[in-house]
Amino acid sequence: MKKKILLVLVLVLAICGSAGAYYSLKRTNKDNSAQVSTTAGANTKPIAAEPETRPTSKPEKACDILTQDIADKVVGKPTKADASNADAPKDVDHLVISSCTFKSVDGTSTTTLLWRAAKDTEGSAHDKEQFGPNKPLNAESVTGYGDTAYWDADFKQLNILKGPNWYILTAGPTEPANRNLDQAKQFADLIKPKL
């Protein structure tokens, strides 16, 4: 029960932080727009500052990786998309974060992909620390996925680091305590070519 409360609290804080970072970034981009003269002495037009380039290429959203077809295979029965799948990826500090969730139609199983794409070297360095000195104490190393991977037994999640991208996979029964590494590996095997 305490783990559920902690998980809900962490999710609420992450969402609030994402919203604050989004509005802060939006305001900063407006302030950084440049004025460029179109002809000598004529009207000026604002030109938005160049957007930061992410070190990721395709895909652009977690749902480009986790499709309903894959979710159906992972869950082993028909699924439906979560309403949050329509949300755009969130810019948070040095990351772009996107998630995708499908739940079984009968409500007994779920699969989620959370994708943290580093926008710069600072974001990438932070994510690498989570797979090194800041890795959870209970983490079980898992081979064969990305550059490095581990299973977090507390949260029942498979964490995969590949280049500047950190993927967090959950799969199995809706009750987290009933999820296991084999279910997460099955999910990872299905999306591995897209990572």
N, C-alpha and C. Protein backbone atom coordinates (compact mmCIF):
# COMPACT_ATOMS: atom_id res chain seq x y z
N MET A 1 0.82 -1.18 0.00
CA MET A 1 0.00 0.00 0.00
C MET A 1 0.87 1.26 0.00
N LYS A 2 1.95 1.25 0.81
CA LYS A 2 2.85 2.40 0.86
C LYS A 2 3.52 2.63 -0.49
N LYS A 3 3.83 1.52 -1.19
CA LYS A 3 4.47 1.65 -2.50
C LYS A 3 3.52 2.32 -3.49
N LYS A 4 2.24 1.98 -3.42
CA LYS A 4 1.26 2.60 -4.32
C LYS A 4 1.15 4.09 -4.04
N ILE A 5 1.12 4.46 -2.78
CA ILE A 5 1.02 5.87 -2.42
C ILE A 5 2.27 6.60 -2.90
N LEU A 6 3.43 6.00 -2.69
CA LEU A 6 4.67 6.61 -3.14
C LEU A 6 4.69 6.75 -4.66
N LEU A 7 4.25 5.74 -5.38
CA LEU A 7 4.22 5.78 -6.83
C LEU A 7 3.28 6.89 -7.31
N VAL A 8 2.11 7.01 -6.71
CA VAL A 8 1.16 8.06 -7.09
C VAL A 8 1.77 9.43 -6.81
N LEU A 9 2.42 9.59 -5.67
CA LEU A 9 3.04 10.86 -5.32
C LEU A 9 4.13 11.22 -6.33
N VAL A 10 4.96 10.25 -6.71
CA VAL A 10 6.02 10.50 -7.68
C VAL A 10 5.42 10.91 -9.03
N LEU A 11 4.37 10.23 -9.45
CA LEU A 11 3.73 10.57 -10.73
C LEU A 11 3.13 11.97 -10.69
N VAL A 12 2.49 12.35 -9.59
CA VAL A 12 1.90 13.69 -9.46
C VAL A 12 3.00 14.74 -9.52
N LEU A 13 4.10 14.51 -8.81
CA LEU A 13 5.21 15.47 -8.83
C LEU A 13 5.81 15.58 -10.22
N ALA A 14 5.94 14.46 -10.92
CA ALA A 14 6.49 14.47 -12.28
C ALA A 14 5.60 15.26 -13.22
N ILE A 15 4.31 15.09 -13.11
CA ILE A 15 3.37 15.80 -13.97
C ILE A 15 3.42 17.30 -13.68
N CYS A 16 3.42 17.67 -12.41
CA CYS A 16 3.50 19.09 -12.03
C CYS A 16 4.81 19.70 -12.52
N GLY A 17 5.90 18.99 -12.35
CA GLY A 17 7.19 19.48 -12.81
C GLY A 17 7.22 19.63 -14.32
N SER A 18 6.60 18.69 -15.02
CA SER A 18 6.55 18.75 -16.48
C SER A 18 5.79 19.99 -16.93
N ALA A 19 4.66 20.26 -16.30
CA ALA A 19 3.85 21.42 -16.67
C ALA A 19 4.62 22.70 -16.42
N GLY A 20 5.28 22.82 -15.28
CA GLY A 20 6.06 24.01 -14.97
C GLY A 20 7.19 24.22 -15.95
N ALA A 21 7.89 23.15 -16.27
CA ALA A 21 9.00 23.24 -17.22
C ALA A 21 8.50 23.62 -18.60
N TYR A 22 7.35 23.09 -19.00
CA TYR A 22 6.78 23.39 -20.30
C TYR A 22 6.48 24.88 -20.43
N TYR A 23 5.79 25.44 -19.43
CA TYR A 23 5.43 26.85 -19.49
C TYR A 23 6.66 27.74 -19.38
N SER A 24 7.63 27.34 -18.60
CA SER A 24 8.87 28.09 -18.48
C SER A 24 9.61 28.10 -19.81
N LEU A 25 9.69 26.95 -20.47
CA LEU A 25 10.36 26.85 -21.76
C LEU A 25 9.62 27.67 -22.80
N LYS A 26 8.31 27.64 -22.78
CA LYS A 26 7.50 28.38 -23.73
C LYS A 26 7.77 29.89 -23.58
N ARG A 27 7.84 30.37 -22.34
CA ARG A 27 8.10 31.77 -22.07
C ARG A 27 9.51 32.14 -22.50
N THR A 28 10.48 31.27 -22.25
CA THR A 28 11.87 31.53 -22.63
C THR A 28 12.00 31.64 -24.14
N ASN A 29 11.33 30.76 -24.88
CA ASN A 29 11.40 30.81 -26.34
C ASN A 29 10.83 32.12 -26.87
N LYS A 30 9.76 32.65 -26.24
CA LYS A 30 9.20 33.94 -26.68
C LYS A 30 10.21 35.04 -26.42
N ASP A 31 10.88 35.03 -25.27
CA ASP A 31 11.84 36.06 -24.91
C ASP A 31 13.07 36.02 -25.79
N ASN A 32 13.41 34.85 -26.31
CA ASN A 32 14.62 34.70 -27.11
C ASN A 32 14.40 34.90 -28.61
N SER A 33 13.20 35.30 -29.00
CA SER A 33 12.97 35.49 -30.44
C SER A 33 13.76 36.70 -30.91
N ALA A 34 14.24 36.62 -32.13
CA ALA A 34 15.07 37.70 -32.69
C ALA A 34 14.24 38.56 -33.62
N GLN A 35 14.58 39.82 -33.72
CA GLN A 35 13.94 40.73 -34.66
C GLN A 35 14.87 40.87 -35.86
N VAL A 36 14.36 40.57 -37.05
CA VAL A 36 15.18 40.65 -38.25
C VAL A 36 14.48 41.55 -39.24
N SER A 37 15.20 42.50 -39.79
CA SER A 37 14.63 43.42 -40.76
C SER A 37 14.50 42.70 -42.10
N THR A 38 13.29 42.82 -42.72
CA THR A 38 13.09 42.17 -44.01
C THR A 38 13.67 43.00 -45.14
N THR A 39 13.67 44.33 -45.00
CA THR A 39 14.35 45.22 -45.93
C THR A 39 14.90 46.37 -45.11
N ALA A 40 15.87 47.04 -45.62
CA ALA A 40 16.52 48.10 -44.84
C ALA A 40 15.48 49.13 -44.41
N GLY A 41 15.36 49.34 -43.10
CA GLY A 41 14.47 50.35 -42.55
C GLY A 41 13.01 49.96 -42.60
N ALA A 42 12.65 48.76 -43.04
CA ALA A 42 11.25 48.37 -43.15
C ALA A 42 10.80 47.65 -41.89
N ASN A 43 9.61 47.05 -41.96
CA ASN A 43 9.05 46.32 -40.82
C ASN A 43 9.95 45.18 -40.39
N THR A 44 9.84 44.81 -39.13
CA THR A 44 10.60 43.68 -38.64
C THR A 44 9.65 42.54 -38.32
N LYS A 45 10.14 41.33 -38.47
CA LYS A 45 9.37 40.13 -38.16
C LYS A 45 10.11 39.35 -37.10
N PRO A 46 9.40 38.86 -36.08
CA PRO A 46 10.08 38.02 -35.10
C PRO A 46 10.38 36.66 -35.70
N ILE A 47 11.57 36.17 -35.44
CA ILE A 47 11.96 34.84 -35.87
C ILE A 47 12.28 34.05 -34.62
N ALA A 48 11.61 32.93 -34.45
CA ALA A 48 11.82 32.12 -33.25
C ALA A 48 13.25 31.62 -33.19
N ALA A 49 13.77 31.53 -31.98
CA ALA A 49 15.11 30.98 -31.80
C ALA A 49 15.14 29.55 -32.32
N GLU A 50 16.30 29.15 -32.81
CA GLU A 50 16.45 27.78 -33.32
C GLU A 50 16.12 26.78 -32.22
N PRO A 51 15.27 25.80 -32.52
CA PRO A 51 14.97 24.79 -31.50
C PRO A 51 16.18 23.90 -31.26
N GLU A 52 16.27 23.41 -30.01
CA GLU A 52 17.35 22.48 -29.70
C GLU A 52 17.10 21.18 -30.47
N THR A 53 18.16 20.61 -30.97
CA THR A 53 18.00 19.34 -31.67
C THR A 53 18.19 18.21 -30.69
N ARG A 54 17.33 17.22 -30.76
CA ARG A 54 17.45 16.03 -29.92
C ARG A 54 18.38 15.06 -30.60
N PRO A 55 19.15 14.32 -29.81
CA PRO A 55 20.04 13.33 -30.41
C PRO A 55 19.30 12.06 -30.80
N THR A 56 17.99 12.15 -30.94
CA THR A 56 17.22 10.98 -31.35
C THR A 56 16.72 11.19 -32.77
N SER A 57 16.49 10.13 -33.47
CA SER A 57 15.86 10.25 -34.77
C SER A 57 14.48 9.63 -34.61
N LYS A 58 13.99 8.94 -35.60
CA LYS A 58 12.69 8.30 -35.49
C LYS A 58 12.68 7.35 -34.32
N PRO A 59 11.60 7.09 -33.74
CA PRO A 59 10.28 7.70 -33.78
C PRO A 59 10.22 8.96 -32.93
N GLU A 60 9.08 9.63 -32.94
CA GLU A 60 8.91 10.87 -32.22
C GLU A 60 8.13 10.73 -30.92
N LYS A 61 7.30 9.72 -30.80
CA LYS A 61 6.48 9.51 -29.61
C LYS A 61 6.58 8.05 -29.17
N ALA A 62 6.32 7.83 -27.89
CA ALA A 62 6.35 6.47 -27.36
C ALA A 62 5.35 5.57 -28.09
N CYS A 63 4.22 6.13 -28.50
CA CYS A 63 3.21 5.33 -29.21
C CYS A 63 3.63 5.00 -30.64
N ASP A 64 4.71 5.60 -31.13
CA ASP A 64 5.27 5.17 -32.41
C ASP A 64 6.03 3.86 -32.22
N ILE A 65 6.44 3.59 -30.99
CA ILE A 65 7.16 2.36 -30.66
C ILE A 65 6.18 1.30 -30.18
N LEU A 66 5.39 1.65 -29.16
CA LEU A 66 4.38 0.73 -28.62
C LEU A 66 3.07 0.97 -29.35
N THR A 67 2.75 0.09 -30.29
CA THR A 67 1.50 0.19 -31.04
C THR A 67 0.45 -0.72 -30.40
N GLN A 68 -0.78 -0.56 -30.82
CA GLN A 68 -1.83 -1.42 -30.27
C GLN A 68 -1.59 -2.88 -30.63
N ASP A 69 -1.08 -3.14 -31.82
CA ASP A 69 -0.79 -4.52 -32.21
C ASP A 69 0.23 -5.16 -31.26
N ILE A 70 1.27 -4.40 -30.94
CA ILE A 70 2.29 -4.92 -30.00
C ILE A 70 1.67 -5.09 -28.62
N ALA A 71 0.88 -4.13 -28.18
CA ALA A 71 0.23 -4.22 -26.86
C ALA A 71 -0.66 -5.46 -26.78
N ASP A 72 -1.41 -5.73 -27.83
CA ASP A 72 -2.26 -6.94 -27.85
C ASP A 72 -1.42 -8.20 -27.67
N LYS A 73 -0.25 -8.24 -28.31
CA LYS A 73 0.63 -9.40 -28.20
C LYS A 73 1.21 -9.52 -26.79
N VAL A 74 1.62 -8.40 -26.22
CA VAL A 74 2.21 -8.41 -24.88
C VAL A 74 1.18 -8.86 -23.85
N VAL A 75 -0.01 -8.30 -23.93
CA VAL A 75 -1.07 -8.58 -22.97
C VAL A 75 -1.72 -9.94 -23.24
N GLY A 76 -1.71 -10.36 -24.51
CA GLY A 76 -2.30 -11.64 -24.87
C GLY A 76 -3.80 -11.60 -25.07
N LYS A 77 -4.34 -10.39 -25.20
CA LYS A 77 -5.77 -10.20 -25.44
C LYS A 77 -5.97 -8.80 -26.00
N PRO A 78 -7.17 -8.49 -26.50
CA PRO A 78 -7.41 -7.16 -27.07
C PRO A 78 -7.19 -6.05 -26.04
N THR A 79 -6.63 -4.94 -26.52
CA THR A 79 -6.37 -3.80 -25.66
C THR A 79 -7.05 -2.56 -26.21
N LYS A 80 -7.09 -1.55 -25.37
CA LYS A 80 -7.57 -0.23 -25.81
C LYS A 80 -6.54 0.80 -25.35
N ALA A 81 -6.42 1.86 -26.15
CA ALA A 81 -5.45 2.91 -25.85
C ALA A 81 -5.92 3.76 -24.68
N ASP A 82 -4.98 4.16 -23.85
CA ASP A 82 -5.27 5.08 -22.76
C ASP A 82 -5.47 6.48 -23.35
N ALA A 83 -6.35 7.27 -22.76
CA ALA A 83 -6.63 8.62 -23.27
C ALA A 83 -5.38 9.49 -23.29
N SER A 84 -4.45 9.25 -22.37
CA SER A 84 -3.23 10.07 -22.30
C SER A 84 -2.31 9.85 -23.50
N ASN A 85 -2.55 8.82 -24.30
CA ASN A 85 -1.69 8.57 -25.47
C ASN A 85 -1.74 9.72 -26.47
N ALA A 86 -2.80 10.52 -26.44
CA ALA A 86 -2.93 11.63 -27.36
C ALA A 86 -2.07 12.83 -26.95
N ASP A 87 -1.56 12.82 -25.71
CA ASP A 87 -0.75 13.93 -25.22
C ASP A 87 0.56 14.03 -26.00
N ALA A 88 0.97 15.25 -26.25
CA ALA A 88 2.25 15.48 -26.92
C ALA A 88 3.40 15.19 -25.95
N PRO A 89 4.56 14.82 -26.49
CA PRO A 89 5.73 14.65 -25.61
C PRO A 89 5.99 15.93 -24.83
N LYS A 90 6.51 15.80 -23.62
CA LYS A 90 6.76 16.95 -22.74
C LYS A 90 8.24 17.29 -22.71
N ASP A 91 8.55 18.57 -22.87
CA ASP A 91 9.91 19.06 -22.70
C ASP A 91 10.11 19.35 -21.23
N VAL A 92 11.06 18.67 -20.60
CA VAL A 92 11.35 18.87 -19.19
C VAL A 92 12.87 19.00 -19.05
N ASP A 93 13.32 20.19 -18.67
CA ASP A 93 14.74 20.46 -18.51
C ASP A 93 15.52 19.99 -19.74
N HIS A 94 16.33 18.96 -19.60
CA HIS A 94 17.19 18.50 -20.68
C HIS A 94 16.65 17.24 -21.36
N LEU A 95 15.34 17.00 -21.21
CA LEU A 95 14.72 15.78 -21.72
C LEU A 95 13.44 16.08 -22.48
N VAL A 96 13.07 15.13 -23.33
CA VAL A 96 11.73 15.08 -23.90
C VAL A 96 11.16 13.76 -23.41
N ILE A 97 9.99 13.82 -22.78
CA ILE A 97 9.39 12.63 -22.17
C ILE A 97 8.07 12.33 -22.85
N SER A 98 7.92 11.07 -23.24
CA SER A 98 6.69 10.61 -23.89
C SER A 98 6.30 9.27 -23.29
N SER A 99 5.00 9.05 -23.16
CA SER A 99 4.55 7.75 -22.65
C SER A 99 3.39 7.23 -23.48
N CYS A 100 3.21 5.93 -23.41
CA CYS A 100 2.14 5.27 -24.15
C CYS A 100 1.65 4.09 -23.32
N THR A 101 0.34 4.00 -23.15
CA THR A 101 -0.25 2.94 -22.33
C THR A 101 -1.43 2.30 -23.06
N PHE A 102 -1.48 0.99 -22.98
CA PHE A 102 -2.64 0.23 -23.46
C PHE A 102 -3.09 -0.68 -22.32
N LYS A 103 -4.41 -0.79 -22.17
CA LYS A 103 -4.98 -1.66 -21.14
C LYS A 103 -5.86 -2.69 -21.82
N SER A 104 -5.90 -3.88 -21.25
CA SER A 104 -6.76 -4.91 -21.82
C SER A 104 -8.21 -4.45 -21.70
N VAL A 105 -9.03 -4.85 -22.65
CA VAL A 105 -10.44 -4.46 -22.66
C VAL A 105 -11.12 -4.92 -21.38
N ASP A 106 -10.72 -6.08 -20.85
CA ASP A 106 -11.35 -6.57 -19.62
C ASP A 106 -10.75 -5.93 -18.35
N GLY A 107 -9.75 -5.05 -18.52
CA GLY A 107 -9.19 -4.31 -17.40
C GLY A 107 -8.24 -5.08 -16.50
N THR A 108 -7.80 -6.26 -16.92
CA THR A 108 -6.94 -7.08 -16.04
C THR A 108 -5.45 -6.92 -16.31
N SER A 109 -5.08 -6.34 -17.47
CA SER A 109 -3.66 -6.24 -17.84
C SER A 109 -3.37 -4.88 -18.45
N THR A 110 -2.10 -4.52 -18.39
CA THR A 110 -1.67 -3.23 -18.93
C THR A 110 -0.25 -3.33 -19.46
N THR A 111 0.09 -2.42 -20.35
CA THR A 111 1.46 -2.30 -20.83
C THR A 111 1.73 -0.82 -21.07
N THR A 112 2.89 -0.36 -20.60
CA THR A 112 3.25 1.06 -20.71
C THR A 112 4.70 1.19 -21.12
N LEU A 113 4.95 2.16 -21.99
CA LEU A 113 6.30 2.54 -22.36
C LEU A 113 6.48 4.01 -22.01
N LEU A 114 7.45 4.31 -21.17
CA LEU A 114 7.84 5.68 -20.87
C LEU A 114 9.19 5.88 -21.52
N TRP A 115 9.29 6.91 -22.35
CA TRP A 115 10.50 7.16 -23.13
C TRP A 115 11.07 8.52 -22.73
N ARG A 116 12.28 8.52 -22.21
CA ARG A 116 13.00 9.74 -21.83
C ARG A 116 14.11 9.94 -22.85
N ALA A 117 13.97 10.93 -23.73
CA ALA A 117 14.98 11.21 -24.75
C ALA A 117 15.79 12.42 -24.32
N ALA A 118 17.08 12.25 -24.13
CA ALA A 118 17.95 13.36 -23.74
C ALA A 118 18.08 14.34 -24.91
N LYS A 119 17.93 15.64 -24.60
CA LYS A 119 18.05 16.67 -25.62
C LYS A 119 19.49 17.14 -25.79
N ASP A 120 20.31 16.89 -24.78
CA ASP A 120 21.68 17.38 -24.82
C ASP A 120 22.55 16.49 -23.93
N THR A 121 23.83 16.84 -23.85
CA THR A 121 24.76 16.00 -23.09
C THR A 121 24.44 15.99 -21.60
N GLU A 122 23.90 17.09 -21.08
CA GLU A 122 23.54 17.10 -19.65
C GLU A 122 22.42 16.11 -19.36
N GLY A 123 21.41 16.07 -20.22
CA GLY A 123 20.32 15.11 -20.05
C GLY A 123 20.81 13.68 -20.20
N SER A 124 21.69 13.47 -21.15
CA SER A 124 22.24 12.13 -21.38
C SER A 124 23.09 11.68 -20.18
N ALA A 125 23.88 12.60 -19.64
CA ALA A 125 24.72 12.27 -18.48
C ALA A 125 23.85 11.92 -17.27
N HIS A 126 22.77 12.65 -17.08
CA HIS A 126 21.87 12.37 -15.95
C HIS A 126 21.28 10.97 -16.09
N ASP A 127 20.82 10.63 -17.28
CA ASP A 127 20.23 9.31 -17.47
C ASP A 127 21.26 8.20 -17.26
N LYS A 128 22.48 8.41 -17.73
CA LYS A 128 23.53 7.40 -17.56
C LYS A 128 23.81 7.16 -16.07
N GLU A 129 23.72 8.21 -15.26
CA GLU A 129 23.93 8.06 -13.81
C GLU A 129 22.89 7.12 -13.20
N GLN A 130 21.69 7.12 -13.77
CA GLN A 130 20.62 6.26 -13.24
C GLN A 130 20.88 4.78 -13.53
N PHE A 131 21.82 4.52 -14.42
CA PHE A 131 22.20 3.15 -14.74
C PHE A 131 23.57 2.81 -14.15
N GLY A 132 24.14 3.77 -13.44
CA GLY A 132 25.44 3.58 -12.82
C GLY A 132 25.33 3.80 -11.32
N PRO A 133 25.95 4.89 -10.83
CA PRO A 133 25.99 5.10 -9.38
C PRO A 133 24.63 5.33 -8.73
N ASN A 134 23.65 5.79 -9.48
CA ASN A 134 22.33 6.06 -8.91
C ASN A 134 21.30 4.97 -9.20
N LYS A 135 21.77 3.84 -9.70
CA LYS A 135 20.86 2.73 -10.00
C LYS A 135 20.25 2.23 -8.68
N PRO A 136 18.96 1.83 -8.70
CA PRO A 136 18.35 1.33 -7.46
C PRO A 136 19.14 0.16 -6.86
N LEU A 137 19.16 0.10 -5.55
CA LEU A 137 19.92 -0.94 -4.86
C LEU A 137 19.43 -2.34 -5.21
N ASN A 138 18.14 -2.48 -5.46
CA ASN A 138 17.57 -3.79 -5.75
C ASN A 138 17.61 -4.14 -7.24
N ALA A 139 18.24 -3.29 -8.05
CA ALA A 139 18.25 -3.49 -9.50
C ALA A 139 18.98 -4.77 -9.87
N GLU A 140 18.36 -5.51 -10.77
CA GLU A 140 18.94 -6.75 -11.31
C GLU A 140 19.37 -6.47 -12.75
N SER A 141 20.67 -6.58 -13.04
CA SER A 141 21.16 -6.33 -14.39
C SER A 141 20.53 -7.31 -15.37
N VAL A 142 20.20 -6.79 -16.54
CA VAL A 142 19.59 -7.60 -17.60
C VAL A 142 20.41 -7.36 -18.86
N THR A 143 20.82 -8.42 -19.53
CA THR A 143 21.62 -8.29 -20.75
C THR A 143 20.74 -8.49 -21.99
N GLY A 144 21.27 -7.98 -23.11
CA GLY A 144 20.60 -8.20 -24.39
C GLY A 144 19.69 -7.06 -24.82
N TYR A 145 19.65 -5.99 -24.04
CA TYR A 145 18.77 -4.86 -24.38
C TYR A 145 19.55 -3.56 -24.28
N GLY A 146 19.61 -2.81 -25.38
CA GLY A 146 20.27 -1.52 -25.40
C GLY A 146 21.73 -1.59 -25.00
N ASP A 147 22.24 -0.46 -24.49
CA ASP A 147 23.63 -0.40 -24.03
C ASP A 147 23.75 -1.04 -22.65
N THR A 148 22.72 -0.88 -21.84
CA THR A 148 22.65 -1.48 -20.51
C THR A 148 21.19 -1.51 -20.09
N ALA A 149 20.85 -2.43 -19.20
CA ALA A 149 19.46 -2.54 -18.77
C ALA A 149 19.42 -3.15 -17.37
N TYR A 150 18.32 -2.86 -16.66
CA TYR A 150 18.11 -3.47 -15.35
C TYR A 150 16.62 -3.60 -15.07
N TRP A 151 16.30 -4.56 -14.21
CA TRP A 151 14.94 -4.80 -13.74
C TRP A 151 14.83 -4.18 -12.35
N ASP A 152 13.84 -3.31 -12.16
CA ASP A 152 13.58 -2.70 -10.86
C ASP A 152 12.47 -3.50 -10.20
N ALA A 153 12.83 -4.34 -9.23
CA ALA A 153 11.87 -5.23 -8.59
C ALA A 153 10.84 -4.48 -7.75
N ASP A 154 11.18 -3.28 -7.25
CA ASP A 154 10.21 -2.51 -6.47
C ASP A 154 9.08 -1.99 -7.35
N PHE A 155 9.43 -1.42 -8.49
CA PHE A 155 8.42 -0.85 -9.38
C PHE A 155 7.98 -1.81 -10.48
N LYS A 156 8.61 -2.98 -10.54
CA LYS A 156 8.27 -3.99 -11.55
C LYS A 156 8.39 -3.41 -12.96
N GLN A 157 9.57 -2.81 -13.22
CA GLN A 157 9.82 -2.17 -14.50
C GLN A 157 11.17 -2.60 -15.07
N LEU A 158 11.21 -2.75 -16.39
CA LEU A 158 12.46 -3.00 -17.09
C LEU A 158 12.95 -1.66 -17.61
N ASN A 159 14.15 -1.27 -17.23
CA ASN A 159 14.75 -0.01 -17.64
C ASN A 159 15.85 -0.30 -18.64
N ILE A 160 15.79 0.36 -19.80
CA ILE A 160 16.76 0.14 -20.87
C ILE A 160 17.37 1.48 -21.27
N LEU A 161 18.69 1.54 -21.30
CA LEU A 161 19.39 2.73 -21.78
C LEU A 161 20.02 2.38 -23.12
N LYS A 162 19.66 3.14 -24.14
CA LYS A 162 20.25 2.94 -25.46
C LYS A 162 20.58 4.31 -26.02
N GLY A 163 21.88 4.60 -26.13
CA GLY A 163 22.29 5.93 -26.57
C GLY A 163 21.74 6.99 -25.64
N PRO A 164 21.13 8.04 -26.19
CA PRO A 164 20.59 9.10 -25.35
C PRO A 164 19.15 8.83 -24.87
N ASN A 165 18.70 7.61 -25.01
CA ASN A 165 17.31 7.28 -24.69
C ASN A 165 17.20 6.29 -23.54
N TRP A 166 16.31 6.60 -22.60
CA TRP A 166 16.01 5.73 -21.47
C TRP A 166 14.57 5.28 -21.64
N TYR A 167 14.37 3.99 -21.77
CA TYR A 167 13.04 3.40 -21.94
C TYR A 167 12.67 2.67 -20.65
N ILE A 168 11.47 2.91 -20.16
CA ILE A 168 10.96 2.24 -18.97
C ILE A 168 9.73 1.45 -19.40
N LEU A 169 9.80 0.12 -19.27
CA LEU A 169 8.74 -0.76 -19.74
C LEU A 169 8.03 -1.43 -18.56
N THR A 170 6.71 -1.41 -18.59
CA THR A 170 5.91 -2.18 -17.63
C THR A 170 4.93 -3.00 -18.43
N ALA A 171 4.72 -4.23 -18.00
CA ALA A 171 3.81 -5.12 -18.71
C ALA A 171 3.30 -6.18 -17.76
N GLY A 172 2.03 -6.54 -17.92
CA GLY A 172 1.46 -7.62 -17.12
C GLY A 172 0.17 -7.22 -16.45
N PRO A 173 -0.16 -7.89 -15.37
CA PRO A 173 -1.41 -7.61 -14.66
C PRO A 173 -1.47 -6.15 -14.18
N THR A 174 -2.67 -5.62 -14.04
CA THR A 174 -2.81 -4.25 -13.57
C THR A 174 -2.27 -4.07 -12.17
N GLU A 175 -2.26 -5.12 -11.37
CA GLU A 175 -1.68 -5.07 -10.03
C GLU A 175 -0.16 -5.24 -10.17
N PRO A 176 0.62 -4.16 -9.91
CA PRO A 176 2.07 -4.24 -10.11
C PRO A 176 2.76 -5.40 -9.40
N ALA A 177 2.30 -5.78 -8.24
CA ALA A 177 2.95 -6.87 -7.49
C ALA A 177 2.94 -8.18 -8.26
N ASN A 178 2.04 -8.32 -9.23
CA ASN A 178 1.92 -9.56 -9.99
C ASN A 178 2.70 -9.54 -11.30
N ARG A 179 3.44 -8.47 -11.57
CA ARG A 179 4.24 -8.38 -12.80
C ARG A 179 5.61 -9.02 -12.57
N ASN A 180 6.22 -9.49 -13.67
CA ASN A 180 7.54 -10.11 -13.54
C ASN A 180 8.44 -9.76 -14.71
N LEU A 181 9.69 -10.07 -14.57
CA LEU A 181 10.70 -9.75 -15.58
C LEU A 181 10.42 -10.43 -16.91
N ASP A 182 9.94 -11.66 -16.89
CA ASP A 182 9.67 -12.36 -18.15
C ASP A 182 8.65 -11.62 -19.00
N GLN A 183 7.61 -11.07 -18.37
CA GLN A 183 6.61 -10.29 -19.12
C GLN A 183 7.25 -9.05 -19.74
N ALA A 184 8.10 -8.37 -18.96
CA ALA A 184 8.77 -7.18 -19.47
C ALA A 184 9.72 -7.52 -20.61
N LYS A 185 10.41 -8.66 -20.51
CA LYS A 185 11.32 -9.08 -21.59
C LYS A 185 10.54 -9.39 -22.87
N GLN A 186 9.38 -10.01 -22.73
CA GLN A 186 8.55 -10.29 -23.91
C GLN A 186 8.20 -8.98 -24.61
N PHE A 187 7.82 -7.98 -23.83
CA PHE A 187 7.52 -6.65 -24.35
C PHE A 187 8.76 -6.07 -25.03
N ALA A 188 9.90 -6.13 -24.36
CA ALA A 188 11.14 -5.57 -24.90
C ALA A 188 11.53 -6.25 -26.21
N ASP A 189 11.35 -7.55 -26.29
CA ASP A 189 11.68 -8.26 -27.52
C ASP A 189 10.85 -7.77 -28.70
N LEU A 190 9.60 -7.42 -28.44
CA LEU A 190 8.72 -6.97 -29.53
C LEU A 190 9.05 -5.57 -30.01
N ILE A 191 9.57 -4.71 -29.14
CA ILE A 191 9.87 -3.33 -29.55
C ILE A 191 11.37 -3.10 -29.84
N LYS A 192 12.18 -4.09 -29.56
CA LYS A 192 13.64 -3.96 -29.69
C LYS A 192 14.07 -3.38 -31.04
N PRO A 193 13.49 -3.81 -32.16
CA PRO A 193 13.92 -3.25 -33.44
C PRO A 193 13.65 -1.74 -33.58
N LYS A 194 12.73 -1.21 -32.80
CA LYS A 194 12.37 0.21 -32.89
C LYS A 194 13.16 1.11 -31.94
N LEU A 195 13.91 0.49 -31.03
CA LEU A 195 14.64 1.29 -30.05
C LEU A 195 15.93 1.85 -30.63
